[in-house]
Amino acid sequence: MTMAPTPPQGSAFRKNLFGLKVDRNTAALPQTTAAPIFTVAGGRVLVTGLIGEVTTAIQNQANNTKLIANPTTGSDVDLCAVVDVANLEVGGKLSITPDLDATPFSVALDKQLAGAIPIGFGAKALCVAAGTIDLSCAASNTGSVKWSLFYVPLDDGATVTAA
């Protein structure tokens, strides 16, 4: 009798699907500014998934929020259009879902309640240059978010760390 191979479990299975995972501890929202949430070093990476989860409810005040690729050399690129994150509950989620059929990066940051949110980019991975990935908030709202980023190094030696 031939035994079927044992499929990878837990983190090994996730790594096969999405690449390496980097977690950023919860932190308060930037106050009317952009602030780094991840640092890309050593070259380009393919971001295959990016999700934020609210750990302290976000204040009920308009706050247009987006993610930005801020390269070490060259110009910033908005990774998505803005979404108002006002009043997002604990457990609420933020993510980006690129739409290659639309103008690049024109889809708003996805905002959902605590239940679920799409995060896997599949063939729609984002190539991000060395530098930082920033969270930009138009207002000064209370609230905190923890982030997870999945990536595959495109250049040998490229890494992502929490900022």
Protein backbone atom coordinates (compact mmCIF):
# COMPACT_ATOMS: atom_id res chain seq x y z
CA MET A 1 0.00 0.00 0.00
CA THR A 2 1.33 3.41 -0.98
CA MET A 3 0.95 6.18 1.57
CA ALA A 4 -0.15 9.61 0.35
CA PRO A 5 2.34 12.38 1.14
CA THR A 6 1.49 14.42 4.20
CA PRO A 7 0.45 17.94 3.14
CA PRO A 8 2.25 20.85 4.77
CA GLN A 9 0.59 22.08 7.94
CA GLY A 10 0.00 25.53 9.49
CA SER A 11 2.74 28.01 8.75
CA ALA A 12 4.39 25.77 6.12
CA PHE A 13 1.14 25.55 4.15
CA ARG A 14 0.58 29.33 4.42
CA LYS A 15 4.15 29.94 3.25
CA ASN A 16 3.56 27.74 0.18
CA LEU A 17 0.43 29.74 -0.71
CA PHE A 18 1.39 33.33 0.14
CA GLY A 19 5.15 33.45 0.83
CA LEU A 20 6.81 34.77 3.95
CA LYS A 21 4.73 36.46 6.66
CA VAL A 22 5.68 39.55 8.67
CA ASP A 23 3.53 40.77 11.55
CA ARG A 24 3.47 44.31 12.89
CA ASN A 25 2.24 44.76 16.44
CA THR A 26 -0.77 46.94 17.04
CA ALA A 27 -0.12 50.67 16.92
CA ALA A 28 -2.15 53.86 16.94
CA LEU A 29 -3.16 55.35 13.61
CA PRO A 30 -0.88 58.05 12.18
CA GLN A 31 -2.27 61.48 13.03
CA THR A 32 -2.95 63.52 9.86
CA THR A 33 0.17 62.11 8.22
CA ALA A 34 1.71 59.00 6.69
CA ALA A 35 3.86 56.66 8.77
CA PRO A 36 5.79 53.50 7.82
CA ILE A 37 4.22 50.18 8.78
CA PHE A 38 6.70 47.93 6.90
CA THR A 39 10.27 48.34 5.64
CA VAL A 40 11.41 46.67 2.41
CA ALA A 41 15.21 46.22 2.23
CA GLY A 42 17.74 44.60 -0.08
CA GLY A 43 15.67 44.81 -3.26
CA ARG A 44 12.19 44.32 -4.66
CA VAL A 45 9.52 42.06 -3.19
CA LEU A 46 6.20 40.71 -4.45
CA VAL A 47 3.54 41.54 -1.87
CA THR A 48 1.00 38.71 -2.09
CA GLY A 49 -1.29 39.78 0.75
CA LEU A 50 -1.70 42.61 3.25
CA ILE A 51 -4.25 42.79 6.05
CA GLY A 52 -4.85 45.10 8.99
CA GLU A 53 -7.08 44.27 11.94
CA VAL A 54 -8.49 46.93 14.27
CA THR A 55 -7.51 46.28 17.90
CA THR A 56 -8.91 49.53 19.35
CA ALA A 57 -12.09 50.86 17.74
CA ILE A 58 -11.54 53.77 15.36
CA GLN A 59 -13.18 57.04 16.33
CA ASN A 60 -16.38 58.06 14.53
CA GLN A 61 -14.83 60.94 12.58
CA ALA A 62 -14.11 61.06 8.83
CA ASN A 63 -10.61 59.76 8.11
CA ASN A 64 -9.63 59.00 4.51
CA THR A 65 -6.95 56.31 4.72
CA LYS A 66 -4.69 54.63 2.15
CA LEU A 67 -1.47 52.67 1.76
CA ILE A 68 1.57 54.12 -0.02
CA ALA A 69 4.77 52.57 -1.45
CA ASN A 70 7.51 55.00 -0.41
CA PRO A 71 10.70 53.91 -2.23
CA THR A 72 14.20 54.76 -1.06
CA THR A 73 14.86 56.14 -4.56
CA GLY A 74 12.14 57.62 -6.75
CA SER A 75 8.56 58.72 -6.23
CA ASP A 76 5.82 57.48 -3.91
CA VAL A 77 2.97 55.40 -5.39
CA ASP A 78 -0.45 55.07 -3.79
CA LEU A 79 -1.18 51.34 -3.54
CA CYS A 80 -4.92 52.03 -3.37
CA ALA A 81 -7.47 54.81 -3.32
CA VAL A 82 -8.68 56.17 0.02
CA VAL A 83 -11.46 54.77 2.18
CA ASP A 84 -13.04 56.39 5.23
CA VAL A 85 -12.18 54.20 8.23
CA ALA A 86 -14.36 56.14 10.71
CA ASN A 87 -16.12 54.02 13.31
CA LEU A 88 -14.46 50.72 12.30
CA GLU A 89 -15.08 48.18 15.06
CA VAL A 90 -12.59 46.05 16.98
CA GLY A 91 -11.83 43.10 14.71
CA GLY A 92 -12.65 45.19 11.62
CA LYS A 93 -10.33 44.54 8.70
CA LEU A 94 -8.42 46.58 6.11
CA SER A 95 -6.82 45.14 2.98
CA ILE A 96 -5.99 45.93 -0.63
CA THR A 97 -7.22 43.88 -3.57
CA PRO A 98 -5.58 45.00 -6.82
CA ASP A 99 -7.81 45.03 -9.89
CA LEU A 100 -5.69 44.57 -13.00
CA ASP A 101 -8.69 45.38 -15.17
CA ALA A 102 -8.96 48.87 -13.67
CA THR A 103 -6.48 51.72 -13.56
CA PRO A 104 -3.62 50.40 -11.40
CA PHE A 105 -4.12 51.11 -7.73
CA SER A 106 -7.46 52.86 -8.29
CA VAL A 107 -9.41 50.45 -6.09
CA ALA A 108 -10.04 51.81 -2.59
CA LEU A 109 -8.51 50.26 0.51
CA ASP A 110 -10.98 47.51 1.40
CA LYS A 111 -12.77 47.98 4.73
CA GLN A 112 -14.90 45.25 6.30
CA LEU A 113 -16.42 44.45 9.67
CA ALA A 114 -14.93 41.76 11.89
CA GLY A 115 -16.33 38.76 9.98
CA ALA A 116 -14.07 38.39 6.90
CA ILE A 117 -12.11 40.17 4.17
CA PRO A 118 -10.37 38.98 0.97
CA ILE A 119 -6.56 39.16 1.19
CA GLY A 120 -4.96 36.78 -1.31
CA PHE A 121 -3.72 38.54 -4.41
CA GLY A 122 -2.92 35.37 -6.35
CA ALA A 123 -1.52 36.38 -9.75
CA LYS A 124 -2.09 40.03 -8.82
CA ALA A 125 0.93 40.39 -6.53
CA LEU A 126 2.34 43.89 -6.11
CA CYS A 127 6.00 44.55 -6.93
CA VAL A 128 7.26 46.94 -4.24
CA ALA A 129 10.70 48.58 -4.32
CA ALA A 130 13.06 48.91 -1.37
CA GLY A 131 11.81 51.60 1.01
CA THR A 132 8.71 51.61 3.19
CA ILE A 133 5.03 50.80 2.96
CA ASP A 134 3.22 53.64 4.70
CA LEU A 135 -0.24 54.04 6.20
CA SER A 136 -1.64 57.50 5.45
CA CYS A 137 -4.48 59.03 7.46
CA ALA A 138 -6.13 62.35 6.55
CA ALA A 139 -7.37 63.03 10.10
CA SER A 140 -6.34 62.49 13.71
CA ASN A 141 -8.50 59.60 14.86
CA THR A 142 -8.13 57.39 17.89
CA GLY A 143 -7.84 53.69 17.12
CA SER A 144 -5.16 51.04 16.65
CA VAL A 145 -4.46 48.46 13.96
CA LYS A 146 -2.18 45.42 13.76
CA TRP A 147 -0.89 44.40 10.31
CA SER A 148 0.27 41.23 8.55
CA LEU A 149 2.07 41.28 5.20
CA PHE A 150 2.82 38.27 2.99
CA TYR A 151 5.62 38.47 0.43
CA VAL A 152 8.04 36.65 -1.85
CA PRO A 153 11.52 38.14 -2.45
CA LEU A 154 11.86 39.14 -6.09
CA ASP A 155 15.55 40.03 -5.73
CA ASP A 156 17.94 37.75 -3.86
CA GLY A 157 18.38 39.11 -0.33
CA ALA A 158 15.22 41.23 -0.33
CA THR A 159 13.35 41.24 3.01
CA VAL A 160 10.42 42.90 4.72
CA THR A 161 10.34 43.85 8.41
CA ALA A 162 7.82 45.62 10.59
CA ALA A 163 8.57 49.34 10.87
